[in-house]
Amino acid sequence: NNLDTQPSVVSTSYGEDEGSTSEEYATRVQVEFMKAGMRGVTLLFASGDSGVASMFSGKTCTQFSPQWPAGSPWVTAVGAT
């Protein structure tokens, strides 16, 4: 393990409905996202597989359901991951 180098980009094809994440967990992870950004690491997360609807909404979309962690202001959301 070479501690002198770090990745410049971390791409993660992961996401879930924002409502399924506890506020405490999200707050804690946001701190780690900020730390990565301060070190110059770009974090990419999947923007979701179900458009603006939750994957649990069925066939109709009546309410926008943000994705986590793509909705974090400290990461970049990427579609078609």
Protein backbone atom coordinates (compact mmCIF):
# COMPACT_ATOMS: atom_id res chain seq x y z
CA ASN A 1 0.00 0.00 0.00
CA ASN A 2 1.57 3.26 -1.15
CA LEU A 3 0.37 6.04 1.14
CA ASP A 4 2.08 8.69 -1.00
CA THR A 5 -0.42 8.33 -3.84
CA GLN A 6 -4.18 8.51 -3.87
CA PRO A 7 -6.75 8.00 -6.58
CA SER A 8 -7.81 11.18 -8.36
CA VAL A 9 -11.26 9.76 -9.21
CA VAL A 10 -13.44 7.17 -7.48
CA SER A 11 -16.41 5.99 -9.56
CA THR A 12 -19.15 4.05 -7.79
CA SER A 13 -22.18 2.53 -9.48
CA TYR A 14 -24.26 2.62 -6.33
CA GLY A 15 -27.29 4.56 -5.23
CA GLU A 16 -30.46 4.27 -3.23
CA ASP A 17 -33.47 6.38 -2.40
CA GLU A 18 -32.41 9.28 -0.21
CA GLY A 19 -35.26 8.51 2.19
CA SER A 20 -33.77 5.11 3.01
CA THR A 21 -30.65 6.73 4.50
CA SER A 22 -30.70 7.98 8.07
CA GLU A 23 -29.85 11.62 8.68
CA GLU A 24 -27.09 10.65 11.09
CA TYR A 25 -25.42 8.38 8.54
CA ALA A 26 -25.77 10.92 5.73
CA THR A 27 -24.27 13.67 7.88
CA ARG A 28 -21.30 11.50 8.84
CA VAL A 29 -20.64 10.38 5.27
CA GLN A 30 -20.87 13.99 4.05
CA VAL A 31 -17.87 14.79 6.25
CA GLU A 32 -15.87 12.05 4.52
CA PHE A 33 -16.98 13.31 1.09
CA MET A 34 -15.75 16.80 2.05
CA LYS A 35 -12.42 15.39 3.21
CA ALA A 36 -11.96 13.59 -0.10
CA GLY A 37 -12.72 16.80 -1.98
CA MET A 38 -10.19 18.74 0.08
CA ARG A 39 -7.58 16.16 -0.93
CA GLY A 40 -8.46 16.60 -4.61
CA VAL A 41 -10.33 13.32 -5.01
CA THR A 42 -13.36 13.40 -7.31
CA LEU A 43 -16.22 11.15 -6.21
CA LEU A 44 -18.68 9.92 -8.86
CA PHE A 45 -21.94 8.15 -7.95
CA ALA A 46 -24.75 6.69 -10.02
CA SER A 47 -27.70 9.04 -10.41
CA GLY A 48 -30.15 6.14 -10.22
CA ASP A 49 -31.83 3.57 -12.41
CA SER A 50 -35.41 4.79 -12.19
CA GLY A 51 -35.35 8.41 -13.37
CA VAL A 52 -36.97 10.87 -10.98
CA ALA A 53 -39.15 8.17 -9.43
CA SER A 54 -38.24 5.79 -6.67
CA MET A 55 -37.57 2.24 -7.69
CA PHE A 56 -40.43 1.41 -5.33
CA SER A 57 -42.98 3.77 -6.91
CA GLY A 58 -44.33 1.24 -9.38
CA LYS A 59 -45.29 2.32 -12.88
CA THR A 60 -46.32 5.89 -12.07
CA CYS A 61 -44.27 8.77 -10.77
CA THR A 62 -46.17 11.15 -8.52
CA GLN A 63 -43.25 12.46 -6.48
CA PHE A 64 -39.55 13.16 -7.07
CA SER A 65 -37.33 10.81 -5.10
CA PRO A 66 -33.72 12.02 -4.82
CA GLN A 67 -30.95 9.44 -4.90
CA TRP A 68 -28.28 9.04 -2.27
CA PRO A 69 -25.36 9.62 -2.35
CA ALA A 70 -25.69 11.21 -5.80
CA GLY A 71 -27.75 14.00 -4.21
CA SER A 72 -24.85 15.05 -2.01
CA PRO A 73 -23.40 18.45 -2.91
CA TRP A 74 -19.92 16.98 -2.37
CA VAL A 75 -20.07 14.35 -5.14
CA THR A 76 -20.80 14.31 -8.86
CA ALA A 77 -23.89 12.42 -10.03
CA VAL A 78 -23.40 10.50 -13.26
CA GLY A 79 -26.13 8.90 -15.36
CA ALA A 80 -25.87 5.64 -17.32
CA THR A 81 -23.30 4.09 -14.99
